[in-house]
Amino acid sequence: NEQWMGWPVGIEYSQSSAIDNAYRLQGRLMLVVGEMDRNVDPSSSLQLADRLIKAGKDFDMVYVPGADHGAPGIYTERKLLDFFVRNILGQTPPDRAKEQI
């Protein structure tokens, strides 16, 4: 949201911050973080995770070593699909360990 806020940044930054408002988040949440993200510093996602934990919120988190913004790749794709299967369809995702045999 920073690109639309102008300068100087006022109270609006905090009002629109996921970190400052983590306690308000509802529903199912999955954070996907690429270690080498050049768009959003990975520490921002870790700060959000910290606030979610302190607020007693449950969430899933996938940290992808060597990945850039969006953490592209088959591993992330599988994790996202499994998250949606569990939380939208209410079903058990396939056992990935059996697929690798």
N, C-alpha and C. Protein backbone atom coordinates (compact mmCIF):
# COMPACT_ATOMS: atom_id res chain seq x y z
N ASN A 1 0.82 -1.21 0.00
CA ASN A 1 0.00 0.00 0.00
C ASN A 1 0.85 1.26 0.00
N GLU A 2 2.14 1.14 0.23
CA GLU A 2 3.00 2.33 0.35
C GLU A 2 3.02 3.19 -0.91
N GLN A 3 2.92 2.58 -2.05
CA GLN A 3 3.07 3.34 -3.28
C GLN A 3 1.95 4.34 -3.49
N TRP A 4 0.81 4.19 -2.81
CA TRP A 4 -0.30 5.13 -2.97
C TRP A 4 -0.42 6.11 -1.80
N MET A 5 0.45 6.02 -0.83
CA MET A 5 0.27 6.79 0.39
C MET A 5 0.86 8.20 0.33
N GLY A 6 1.79 8.43 -0.57
CA GLY A 6 2.38 9.76 -0.63
C GLY A 6 3.34 10.00 0.52
N TRP A 7 3.80 11.23 0.61
CA TRP A 7 4.75 11.61 1.66
C TRP A 7 4.37 12.94 2.23
N PRO A 8 4.44 13.20 3.48
CA PRO A 8 4.87 12.26 4.52
C PRO A 8 3.76 11.25 4.84
N VAL A 9 4.18 10.10 5.38
CA VAL A 9 3.23 9.06 5.74
C VAL A 9 2.63 9.39 7.10
N GLY A 10 1.32 9.36 7.17
CA GLY A 10 0.62 9.68 8.42
C GLY A 10 0.03 8.44 9.06
N ILE A 11 -0.99 8.63 9.84
CA ILE A 11 -1.68 7.57 10.57
C ILE A 11 -2.27 6.52 9.62
N GLU A 12 -2.48 6.90 8.37
CA GLU A 12 -3.06 5.98 7.39
C GLU A 12 -2.21 4.72 7.21
N TYR A 13 -0.90 4.88 7.38
CA TYR A 13 -0.02 3.72 7.22
C TYR A 13 -0.36 2.65 8.25
N SER A 14 -0.46 3.04 9.49
CA SER A 14 -0.80 2.10 10.55
C SER A 14 -2.21 1.56 10.38
N GLN A 15 -3.13 2.41 9.95
CA GLN A 15 -4.52 1.98 9.78
C GLN A 15 -4.67 0.91 8.70
N SER A 16 -3.78 0.92 7.72
CA SER A 16 -3.87 -0.05 6.63
C SER A 16 -2.83 -1.17 6.74
N SER A 17 -2.09 -1.21 7.83
CA SER A 17 -1.02 -2.19 8.02
C SER A 17 -1.58 -3.54 8.49
N ALA A 18 -1.26 -4.61 7.75
CA ALA A 18 -1.65 -5.95 8.19
C ALA A 18 -0.99 -6.30 9.52
N ILE A 19 0.22 -5.81 9.73
CA ILE A 19 0.93 -6.09 10.98
C ILE A 19 0.21 -5.43 12.15
N ASP A 20 -0.12 -4.15 12.01
CA ASP A 20 -0.81 -3.44 13.10
C ASP A 20 -2.23 -3.94 13.32
N ASN A 21 -2.82 -4.54 12.30
CA ASN A 21 -4.21 -5.00 12.39
C ASN A 21 -4.34 -6.51 12.40
N ALA A 22 -3.27 -7.21 12.69
CA ALA A 22 -3.28 -8.67 12.67
C ALA A 22 -4.35 -9.24 13.59
N TYR A 23 -4.59 -8.61 14.70
CA TYR A 23 -5.59 -9.10 15.66
C TYR A 23 -7.00 -9.07 15.08
N ARG A 24 -7.22 -8.32 14.04
CA ARG A 24 -8.55 -8.21 13.42
C ARG A 24 -8.80 -9.26 12.33
N LEU A 25 -7.75 -9.89 11.86
CA LEU A 25 -7.90 -10.85 10.76
C LEU A 25 -8.76 -12.03 11.19
N GLN A 26 -9.59 -12.48 10.27
CA GLN A 26 -10.49 -13.59 10.53
C GLN A 26 -10.40 -14.60 9.40
N GLY A 27 -10.80 -15.81 9.69
CA GLY A 27 -10.80 -16.85 8.67
C GLY A 27 -9.46 -17.54 8.56
N ARG A 28 -9.32 -18.29 7.52
CA ARG A 28 -8.12 -19.08 7.30
C ARG A 28 -7.08 -18.23 6.57
N LEU A 29 -5.83 -18.40 6.96
CA LEU A 29 -4.76 -17.59 6.40
C LEU A 29 -3.53 -18.44 6.15
N MET A 30 -2.92 -18.23 4.99
CA MET A 30 -1.65 -18.87 4.68
C MET A 30 -0.68 -17.80 4.21
N LEU A 31 0.47 -17.72 4.86
CA LEU A 31 1.53 -16.80 4.46
C LEU A 31 2.55 -17.58 3.65
N VAL A 32 2.92 -17.04 2.50
CA VAL A 32 3.95 -17.66 1.67
C VAL A 32 5.08 -16.64 1.54
N VAL A 33 6.27 -17.06 1.94
CA VAL A 33 7.41 -16.14 1.99
C VAL A 33 8.58 -16.71 1.18
N GLY A 34 9.09 -15.90 0.26
CA GLY A 34 10.29 -16.27 -0.47
C GLY A 34 11.50 -15.67 0.23
N GLU A 35 12.49 -16.50 0.51
CA GLU A 35 13.68 -16.05 1.23
C GLU A 35 14.38 -14.88 0.54
N MET A 36 14.39 -14.87 -0.78
CA MET A 36 15.13 -13.86 -1.53
C MET A 36 14.21 -12.81 -2.15
N ASP A 37 13.06 -12.59 -1.56
CA ASP A 37 12.09 -11.63 -2.08
C ASP A 37 12.71 -10.25 -2.17
N ARG A 38 12.69 -9.67 -3.37
CA ARG A 38 13.25 -8.33 -3.57
C ARG A 38 12.15 -7.26 -3.61
N ASN A 39 10.90 -7.68 -3.49
CA ASN A 39 9.78 -6.75 -3.50
C ASN A 39 9.34 -6.42 -2.07
N VAL A 40 9.12 -7.44 -1.26
CA VAL A 40 8.73 -7.27 0.14
C VAL A 40 9.77 -7.99 0.99
N ASP A 41 10.42 -7.27 1.87
CA ASP A 41 11.42 -7.88 2.73
C ASP A 41 10.77 -9.02 3.53
N PRO A 42 11.37 -10.23 3.51
CA PRO A 42 10.81 -11.35 4.25
C PRO A 42 10.58 -11.06 5.74
N SER A 43 11.33 -10.11 6.29
CA SER A 43 11.13 -9.78 7.71
C SER A 43 9.73 -9.22 7.95
N SER A 44 9.13 -8.62 6.94
CA SER A 44 7.75 -8.11 7.08
C SER A 44 6.77 -9.26 7.33
N SER A 45 6.95 -10.35 6.60
CA SER A 45 6.08 -11.51 6.80
C SER A 45 6.31 -12.15 8.15
N LEU A 46 7.57 -12.15 8.59
CA LEU A 46 7.87 -12.71 9.91
C LEU A 46 7.30 -11.82 11.02
N GLN A 47 7.29 -10.51 10.81
CA GLN A 47 6.66 -9.60 11.78
C GLN A 47 5.16 -9.86 11.84
N LEU A 48 4.54 -10.09 10.68
CA LEU A 48 3.11 -10.40 10.66
C LEU A 48 2.85 -11.71 11.38
N ALA A 49 3.66 -12.72 11.13
CA ALA A 49 3.51 -14.00 11.82
C ALA A 49 3.62 -13.81 13.34
N ASP A 50 4.57 -13.01 13.77
CA ASP A 50 4.74 -12.73 15.20
C ASP A 50 3.48 -12.10 15.79
N ARG A 51 2.93 -11.12 15.10
CA ARG A 51 1.71 -10.45 15.59
C ARG A 51 0.52 -11.41 15.60
N LEU A 52 0.43 -12.27 14.60
CA LEU A 52 -0.66 -13.25 14.57
C LEU A 52 -0.55 -14.20 15.75
N ILE A 53 0.66 -14.65 16.04
CA ILE A 53 0.88 -15.54 17.18
C ILE A 53 0.50 -14.84 18.48
N LYS A 54 0.95 -13.60 18.64
CA LYS A 54 0.63 -12.85 19.86
C LYS A 54 -0.87 -12.59 19.99
N ALA A 55 -1.58 -12.52 18.86
CA ALA A 55 -3.03 -12.30 18.88
C ALA A 55 -3.81 -13.61 19.01
N GLY A 56 -3.09 -14.73 19.11
CA GLY A 56 -3.74 -16.02 19.26
C GLY A 56 -4.40 -16.52 17.98
N LYS A 57 -3.94 -16.04 16.84
CA LYS A 57 -4.51 -16.44 15.55
C LYS A 57 -3.81 -17.68 15.02
N ASP A 58 -4.58 -18.54 14.38
CA ASP A 58 -4.01 -19.73 13.75
C ASP A 58 -3.79 -19.43 12.27
N PHE A 59 -2.67 -19.89 11.73
CA PHE A 59 -2.35 -19.66 10.32
C PHE A 59 -1.34 -20.69 9.86
N ASP A 60 -1.24 -20.84 8.57
CA ASP A 60 -0.21 -21.68 7.96
C ASP A 60 0.84 -20.76 7.37
N MET A 61 2.08 -21.25 7.35
CA MET A 61 3.15 -20.44 6.78
C MET A 61 4.10 -21.35 6.01
N VAL A 62 4.45 -20.91 4.81
CA VAL A 62 5.40 -21.63 3.97
C VAL A 62 6.55 -20.67 3.68
N TYR A 63 7.74 -21.05 4.12
CA TYR A 63 8.95 -20.26 3.88
C TYR A 63 9.76 -21.03 2.84
N VAL A 64 10.00 -20.40 1.68
CA VAL A 64 10.64 -21.11 0.58
C VAL A 64 12.08 -20.60 0.38
N PRO A 65 13.08 -21.41 0.74
CA PRO A 65 14.48 -21.00 0.58
C PRO A 65 14.81 -20.70 -0.88
N GLY A 66 15.53 -19.62 -1.10
CA GLY A 66 15.99 -19.25 -2.42
C GLY A 66 14.95 -18.64 -3.34
N ALA A 67 13.69 -18.56 -2.90
CA ALA A 67 12.61 -18.07 -3.77
C ALA A 67 12.48 -16.56 -3.70
N ASP A 68 12.02 -15.99 -4.82
CA ASP A 68 11.77 -14.55 -4.91
C ASP A 68 10.30 -14.27 -4.56
N HIS A 69 9.83 -13.09 -4.87
CA HIS A 69 8.46 -12.65 -4.57
C HIS A 69 7.45 -13.62 -5.20
N GLY A 70 6.49 -14.03 -4.41
CA GLY A 70 5.50 -14.98 -4.89
C GLY A 70 5.93 -16.42 -4.71
N ALA A 71 7.20 -16.63 -4.41
CA ALA A 71 7.76 -17.96 -4.17
C ALA A 71 7.25 -18.97 -5.20
N PRO A 72 7.55 -18.73 -6.49
CA PRO A 72 7.05 -19.64 -7.52
C PRO A 72 7.68 -21.02 -7.41
N GLY A 73 7.03 -21.99 -7.95
CA GLY A 73 7.58 -23.35 -7.99
C GLY A 73 6.55 -24.38 -7.61
N ILE A 74 6.88 -25.63 -7.90
CA ILE A 74 5.95 -26.74 -7.68
C ILE A 74 5.65 -26.95 -6.20
N TYR A 75 6.64 -26.75 -5.33
CA TYR A 75 6.41 -26.94 -3.89
C TYR A 75 5.35 -25.96 -3.38
N THR A 76 5.51 -24.69 -3.72
CA THR A 76 4.55 -23.68 -3.28
C THR A 76 3.18 -23.95 -3.88
N GLU A 77 3.15 -24.33 -5.15
CA GLU A 77 1.87 -24.63 -5.80
C GLU A 77 1.14 -25.76 -5.08
N ARG A 78 1.87 -26.80 -4.73
CA ARG A 78 1.24 -27.93 -4.00
C ARG A 78 0.73 -27.49 -2.63
N LYS A 79 1.53 -26.70 -1.93
CA LYS A 79 1.10 -26.24 -0.60
C LYS A 79 -0.16 -25.39 -0.69
N LEU A 80 -0.22 -24.51 -1.69
CA LEU A 80 -1.41 -23.67 -1.88
C LEU A 80 -2.63 -24.53 -2.25
N LEU A 81 -2.45 -25.46 -3.17
CA LEU A 81 -3.56 -26.33 -3.55
C LEU A 81 -4.06 -27.14 -2.35
N ASP A 82 -3.14 -27.69 -1.57
CA ASP A 82 -3.53 -28.44 -0.38
C ASP A 82 -4.28 -27.56 0.61
N PHE A 83 -3.84 -26.32 0.77
CA PHE A 83 -4.51 -25.38 1.67
C PHE A 83 -5.95 -25.15 1.22
N PHE A 84 -6.14 -24.93 -0.08
CA PHE A 84 -7.49 -24.70 -0.60
C PHE A 84 -8.36 -25.95 -0.50
N VAL A 85 -7.79 -27.11 -0.76
CA VAL A 85 -8.56 -28.37 -0.66
C VAL A 85 -9.06 -28.55 0.77
N ARG A 86 -8.17 -28.30 1.76
CA ARG A 86 -8.56 -28.44 3.17
C ARG A 86 -9.57 -27.39 3.59
N ASN A 87 -9.34 -26.14 3.21
CA ASN A 87 -10.10 -25.04 3.79
C ASN A 87 -11.29 -24.56 2.97
N ILE A 88 -11.35 -24.90 1.70
CA ILE A 88 -12.51 -24.52 0.89
C ILE A 88 -13.36 -25.75 0.59
N LEU A 89 -12.72 -26.83 0.16
CA LEU A 89 -13.48 -28.04 -0.15
C LEU A 89 -13.78 -28.88 1.08
N GLY A 90 -13.00 -28.66 2.16
CA GLY A 90 -13.19 -29.44 3.38
C GLY A 90 -12.79 -30.89 3.22
N GLN A 91 -11.84 -31.15 2.33
CA GLN A 91 -11.38 -32.52 2.08
C GLN A 91 -9.92 -32.67 2.47
N THR A 92 -9.47 -33.90 2.53
CA THR A 92 -8.08 -34.19 2.84
C THR A 92 -7.28 -34.19 1.54
N PRO A 93 -6.21 -33.41 1.47
CA PRO A 93 -5.39 -33.40 0.25
C PRO A 93 -4.72 -34.76 0.05
N PRO A 94 -4.27 -35.03 -1.17
CA PRO A 94 -3.57 -36.29 -1.41
C PRO A 94 -2.30 -36.39 -0.57
N ASP A 95 -1.93 -37.62 -0.24
CA ASP A 95 -0.71 -37.87 0.52
C ASP A 95 0.48 -37.76 -0.44
N ARG A 96 1.22 -36.68 -0.34
CA ARG A 96 2.33 -36.43 -1.27
C ARG A 96 3.46 -37.46 -1.11
N ALA A 97 3.61 -38.01 0.07
CA ALA A 97 4.67 -39.00 0.29
C ALA A 97 4.43 -40.24 -0.58
N LYS A 98 3.17 -40.61 -0.76
CA LYS A 98 2.86 -41.78 -1.58
C LYS A 98 3.12 -41.51 -3.05
N GLU A 99 2.99 -40.25 -3.48
CA GLU A 99 3.22 -39.89 -4.88
C GLU A 99 4.68 -40.04 -5.27
N GLN A 100 5.58 -39.89 -4.30
CA GLN A 100 7.01 -39.89 -4.58
C GLN A 100 7.61 -41.29 -4.65
N ILE A 101 6.82 -42.30 -4.33
CA ILE A 101 7.34 -43.68 -4.31
C ILE A 101 7.28 -44.27 -5.70
